[in-house]
Amino acid sequence: MSTARVRRAPDALWRAGRRVLVAALPGHPPTTVAGSGALVWRHLAAWTGVHELAATLAGETGADAATIERDVLALVDALLPLGLVERQPAVGEGR
């Protein structure tokens, strides 16, 4: 279980459909994420806990919360180096 908190970068420009997300920082090329990434992105407007987000998405989709949590963490790991999301480490975790 992850206690990290995440949010999308406040200056990210983006458009999302049901199954696709296109996001970029100003002056950078766009990144496209297919599948459930667009749904996750909609929930990242404000700081949210990864575990809580997974539980919310499980309630919305009926999918397994543990699987969703792993997928959310993988998405965050992919978007972090692009500057599209921000992460607050869990208590006791280094930055």
N, C-alpha and C. Protein backbone atom coordinates (compact mmCIF):
# COMPACT_ATOMS: atom_id res chain seq x y z
N MET A 1 0.85 -1.18 0.00
CA MET A 1 0.00 0.00 0.00
C MET A 1 0.89 1.24 0.00
N SER A 2 0.62 2.15 -0.91
CA SER A 2 1.39 3.38 -1.02
C SER A 2 0.67 4.52 -0.29
N THR A 3 1.43 5.26 0.49
CA THR A 3 0.86 6.44 1.15
C THR A 3 1.34 7.73 0.48
N ALA A 4 2.04 7.59 -0.65
CA ALA A 4 2.48 8.77 -1.40
C ALA A 4 1.26 9.55 -1.88
N ARG A 5 1.45 10.86 -2.02
CA ARG A 5 0.40 11.72 -2.54
C ARG A 5 0.87 12.28 -3.88
N VAL A 6 -0.07 12.39 -4.82
CA VAL A 6 0.27 12.85 -6.16
C VAL A 6 -0.78 13.84 -6.66
N ARG A 7 -0.38 14.62 -7.64
CA ARG A 7 -1.31 15.49 -8.35
C ARG A 7 -0.70 15.79 -9.72
N ARG A 8 -1.57 16.23 -10.64
CA ARG A 8 -1.01 16.64 -11.92
C ARG A 8 -0.33 17.99 -11.75
N ALA A 9 0.66 18.26 -12.57
CA ALA A 9 1.38 19.53 -12.50
C ALA A 9 0.41 20.66 -12.81
N PRO A 10 0.38 21.69 -11.97
CA PRO A 10 -0.59 22.77 -12.17
C PRO A 10 -0.46 23.48 -13.51
N ASP A 11 0.73 23.51 -14.10
CA ASP A 11 0.92 24.20 -15.37
C ASP A 11 0.81 23.28 -16.59
N ALA A 12 0.42 22.02 -16.37
CA ALA A 12 0.25 21.09 -17.49
C ALA A 12 -0.95 21.49 -18.34
N LEU A 13 -0.75 21.42 -19.63
CA LEU A 13 -1.82 21.63 -20.59
C LEU A 13 -2.31 20.25 -21.00
N TRP A 14 -3.61 20.04 -21.09
CA TRP A 14 -4.08 18.70 -21.38
C TRP A 14 -5.48 18.67 -21.97
N ARG A 15 -5.76 17.57 -22.63
CA ARG A 15 -7.09 17.23 -23.12
C ARG A 15 -7.26 15.74 -22.88
N ALA A 16 -8.43 15.36 -22.45
CA ALA A 16 -8.69 13.94 -22.20
C ALA A 16 -10.05 13.56 -22.76
N GLY A 17 -10.07 12.41 -23.39
CA GLY A 17 -11.32 11.80 -23.82
C GLY A 17 -11.61 10.63 -22.89
N ARG A 18 -12.49 9.76 -23.31
CA ARG A 18 -12.81 8.60 -22.46
C ARG A 18 -11.62 7.67 -22.31
N ARG A 19 -10.85 7.48 -23.36
CA ARG A 19 -9.79 6.48 -23.33
C ARG A 19 -8.43 7.02 -23.77
N VAL A 20 -8.27 8.34 -23.83
CA VAL A 20 -6.97 8.88 -24.22
C VAL A 20 -6.74 10.22 -23.52
N LEU A 21 -5.49 10.42 -23.15
CA LEU A 21 -5.04 11.66 -22.52
C LEU A 21 -3.87 12.19 -23.34
N VAL A 22 -3.89 13.47 -23.63
CA VAL A 22 -2.75 14.14 -24.24
C VAL A 22 -2.39 15.29 -23.30
N ALA A 23 -1.15 15.29 -22.80
CA ALA A 23 -0.72 16.31 -21.83
C ALA A 23 0.69 16.77 -22.16
N ALA A 24 0.97 18.02 -21.81
CA ALA A 24 2.31 18.58 -22.02
C ALA A 24 2.50 19.76 -21.10
N LEU A 25 3.75 20.05 -20.82
CA LEU A 25 4.10 21.30 -20.17
C LEU A 25 4.32 22.32 -21.27
N PRO A 26 4.07 23.60 -21.01
CA PRO A 26 4.29 24.61 -22.03
C PRO A 26 5.73 24.51 -22.58
N GLY A 27 5.83 24.52 -23.91
CA GLY A 27 7.14 24.46 -24.56
C GLY A 27 7.71 23.07 -24.71
N HIS A 28 6.97 22.05 -24.33
CA HIS A 28 7.43 20.67 -24.42
C HIS A 28 6.50 19.87 -25.33
N PRO A 29 7.01 18.81 -25.94
CA PRO A 29 6.13 18.00 -26.80
C PRO A 29 5.07 17.27 -25.98
N PRO A 30 3.93 17.01 -26.60
CA PRO A 30 2.85 16.32 -25.89
C PRO A 30 3.16 14.84 -25.65
N THR A 31 2.58 14.33 -24.59
CA THR A 31 2.64 12.91 -24.25
C THR A 31 1.22 12.37 -24.36
N THR A 32 1.08 11.21 -24.99
CA THR A 32 -0.23 10.58 -25.14
C THR A 32 -0.27 9.33 -24.27
N VAL A 33 -1.34 9.20 -23.50
CA VAL A 33 -1.56 8.03 -22.66
C VAL A 33 -2.90 7.44 -23.05
N ALA A 34 -2.89 6.19 -23.44
CA ALA A 34 -4.13 5.52 -23.82
C ALA A 34 -4.67 4.71 -22.65
N GLY A 35 -5.92 4.32 -22.75
CA GLY A 35 -6.52 3.47 -21.73
C GLY A 35 -7.03 4.26 -20.55
N SER A 36 -6.84 3.71 -19.37
CA SER A 36 -7.43 4.30 -18.16
C SER A 36 -6.65 5.51 -17.63
N GLY A 37 -5.55 5.88 -18.27
CA GLY A 37 -4.78 7.04 -17.83
C GLY A 37 -5.61 8.31 -17.79
N ALA A 38 -6.54 8.46 -18.73
CA ALA A 38 -7.39 9.65 -18.75
C ALA A 38 -8.28 9.71 -17.52
N LEU A 39 -8.78 8.57 -17.09
CA LEU A 39 -9.61 8.52 -15.88
C LEU A 39 -8.78 8.88 -14.65
N VAL A 40 -7.60 8.31 -14.56
CA VAL A 40 -6.71 8.63 -13.43
C VAL A 40 -6.40 10.12 -13.43
N TRP A 41 -6.08 10.68 -14.58
CA TRP A 41 -5.70 12.09 -14.70
C TRP A 41 -6.79 13.01 -14.15
N ARG A 42 -8.03 12.68 -14.42
CA ARG A 42 -9.14 13.52 -13.94
C ARG A 42 -9.17 13.61 -12.42
N HIS A 43 -8.68 12.60 -11.75
CA HIS A 43 -8.67 12.58 -10.29
C HIS A 43 -7.43 13.24 -9.69
N LEU A 44 -6.53 13.72 -10.53
CA LEU A 44 -5.27 14.28 -10.04
C LEU A 44 -5.27 15.81 -10.01
N ALA A 45 -6.43 16.43 -10.04
CA ALA A 45 -6.50 17.89 -10.01
C ALA A 45 -5.96 18.46 -8.70
N ALA A 46 -6.12 17.73 -7.62
CA ALA A 46 -5.63 18.15 -6.30
C ALA A 46 -4.82 16.99 -5.71
N TRP A 47 -4.01 17.29 -4.71
CA TRP A 47 -3.22 16.25 -4.05
C TRP A 47 -4.14 15.13 -3.59
N THR A 48 -3.77 13.92 -3.89
CA THR A 48 -4.55 12.75 -3.48
C THR A 48 -3.60 11.61 -3.16
N GLY A 49 -3.98 10.80 -2.21
CA GLY A 49 -3.19 9.63 -1.86
C GLY A 49 -3.38 8.54 -2.91
N VAL A 50 -2.31 7.87 -3.27
CA VAL A 50 -2.39 6.82 -4.28
C VAL A 50 -3.33 5.71 -3.82
N HIS A 51 -3.24 5.32 -2.57
CA HIS A 51 -4.11 4.26 -2.05
C HIS A 51 -5.58 4.69 -2.10
N GLU A 52 -5.86 5.91 -1.70
CA GLU A 52 -7.23 6.42 -1.72
C GLU A 52 -7.74 6.54 -3.16
N LEU A 53 -6.89 6.98 -4.05
CA LEU A 53 -7.27 7.08 -5.46
C LEU A 53 -7.61 5.71 -6.02
N ALA A 54 -6.80 4.71 -5.69
CA ALA A 54 -7.06 3.35 -6.17
C ALA A 54 -8.42 2.85 -5.66
N ALA A 55 -8.73 3.14 -4.41
CA ALA A 55 -10.01 2.72 -3.85
C ALA A 55 -11.17 3.42 -4.56
N THR A 56 -11.01 4.70 -4.84
CA THR A 56 -12.04 5.46 -5.56
C THR A 56 -12.26 4.88 -6.95
N LEU A 57 -11.15 4.63 -7.66
CA LEU A 57 -11.26 4.09 -9.02
C LEU A 57 -11.84 2.68 -9.01
N ALA A 58 -11.50 1.90 -8.00
CA ALA A 58 -12.07 0.55 -7.89
C ALA A 58 -13.59 0.64 -7.73
N GLY A 59 -14.05 1.60 -6.93
CA GLY A 59 -15.48 1.80 -6.76
C GLY A 59 -16.16 2.23 -8.05
N GLU A 60 -15.48 3.04 -8.86
CA GLU A 60 -16.05 3.52 -10.11
C GLU A 60 -16.04 2.46 -11.20
N THR A 61 -15.01 1.62 -11.20
CA THR A 61 -14.83 0.69 -12.32
C THR A 61 -15.14 -0.76 -11.99
N GLY A 62 -15.12 -1.12 -10.71
CA GLY A 62 -15.30 -2.51 -10.32
C GLY A 62 -14.03 -3.34 -10.42
N ALA A 63 -12.92 -2.71 -10.79
CA ALA A 63 -11.64 -3.42 -10.89
C ALA A 63 -11.01 -3.58 -9.50
N ASP A 64 -10.05 -4.46 -9.41
CA ASP A 64 -9.36 -4.74 -8.16
C ASP A 64 -8.50 -3.55 -7.73
N ALA A 65 -8.67 -3.09 -6.50
CA ALA A 65 -7.97 -1.91 -6.00
C ALA A 65 -6.45 -2.10 -5.99
N ALA A 66 -5.97 -3.29 -5.65
CA ALA A 66 -4.53 -3.53 -5.62
C ALA A 66 -3.93 -3.44 -7.02
N THR A 67 -4.63 -3.94 -8.01
CA THR A 67 -4.17 -3.85 -9.39
C THR A 67 -4.17 -2.40 -9.85
N ILE A 68 -5.22 -1.68 -9.51
CA ILE A 68 -5.30 -0.26 -9.87
C ILE A 68 -4.16 0.51 -9.22
N GLU A 69 -3.87 0.24 -7.95
CA GLU A 69 -2.80 0.95 -7.26
C GLU A 69 -1.46 0.74 -7.97
N ARG A 70 -1.18 -0.49 -8.37
CA ARG A 70 0.07 -0.77 -9.12
C ARG A 70 0.09 0.01 -10.43
N ASP A 71 -1.05 0.04 -11.12
CA ASP A 71 -1.13 0.74 -12.40
C ASP A 71 -0.98 2.25 -12.22
N VAL A 72 -1.60 2.80 -11.18
CA VAL A 72 -1.47 4.24 -10.91
C VAL A 72 -0.01 4.58 -10.61
N LEU A 73 0.64 3.78 -9.80
CA LEU A 73 2.05 4.02 -9.49
C LEU A 73 2.92 3.95 -10.74
N ALA A 74 2.62 3.01 -11.64
CA ALA A 74 3.37 2.91 -12.89
C ALA A 74 3.15 4.15 -13.76
N LEU A 75 1.91 4.63 -13.81
CA LEU A 75 1.62 5.84 -14.58
C LEU A 75 2.35 7.04 -13.99
N VAL A 76 2.30 7.18 -12.67
CA VAL A 76 2.99 8.29 -12.01
C VAL A 76 4.50 8.20 -12.29
N ASP A 77 5.07 7.01 -12.20
CA ASP A 77 6.49 6.84 -12.48
C ASP A 77 6.84 7.23 -13.92
N ALA A 78 5.92 7.01 -14.86
CA ALA A 78 6.16 7.38 -16.25
C ALA A 78 6.03 8.88 -16.48
N LEU A 79 5.11 9.52 -15.76
CA LEU A 79 4.84 10.94 -15.98
C LEU A 79 5.73 11.87 -15.15
N LEU A 80 6.29 11.37 -14.06
CA LEU A 80 7.16 12.19 -13.20
C LEU A 80 8.35 12.79 -13.95
N PRO A 81 9.13 11.99 -14.68
CA PRO A 81 10.30 12.58 -15.35
C PRO A 81 9.92 13.59 -16.43
N LEU A 82 8.68 13.56 -16.89
CA LEU A 82 8.21 14.52 -17.88
C LEU A 82 7.70 15.81 -17.23
N GLY A 83 7.61 15.80 -15.89
CA GLY A 83 7.13 16.96 -15.16
C GLY A 83 5.62 17.11 -15.18
N LEU A 84 4.90 16.09 -15.63
CA LEU A 84 3.45 16.19 -15.75
C LEU A 84 2.71 15.90 -14.45
N VAL A 85 3.35 15.23 -13.52
CA VAL A 85 2.78 15.00 -12.20
C VAL A 85 3.81 15.36 -11.14
N GLU A 86 3.31 15.62 -9.96
CA GLU A 86 4.15 15.90 -8.80
C GLU A 86 3.84 14.86 -7.74
N ARG A 87 4.84 14.54 -6.94
CA ARG A 87 4.68 13.48 -5.93
C ARG A 87 5.23 13.97 -4.60
N GLN A 88 4.45 13.79 -3.55
CA GLN A 88 4.92 14.02 -2.19
C GLN A 88 5.25 12.64 -1.62
N PRO A 89 6.48 12.44 -1.17
CA PRO A 89 6.83 11.13 -0.62
C PRO A 89 5.97 10.78 0.59
N ALA A 90 5.85 9.49 0.82
CA ALA A 90 5.18 9.01 2.02
C ALA A 90 5.99 9.43 3.24
N VAL A 91 5.35 9.51 4.37
CA VAL A 91 6.04 9.87 5.61
C VAL A 91 7.18 8.88 5.83
N GLY A 92 8.37 9.38 6.10
CA GLY A 92 9.52 8.54 6.35
C GLY A 92 10.26 8.12 5.09
N GLU A 93 9.73 8.50 3.93
CA GLU A 93 10.36 8.16 2.65
C GLU A 93 11.18 9.35 2.18
N GLY A 94 12.36 9.11 1.66
CA GLY A 94 13.20 10.19 1.14
C GLY A 94 12.63 10.76 -0.12
N ARG A 95 13.05 11.96 -0.47
CA ARG A 95 12.59 12.60 -1.73
C ARG A 95 13.36 12.10 -2.87
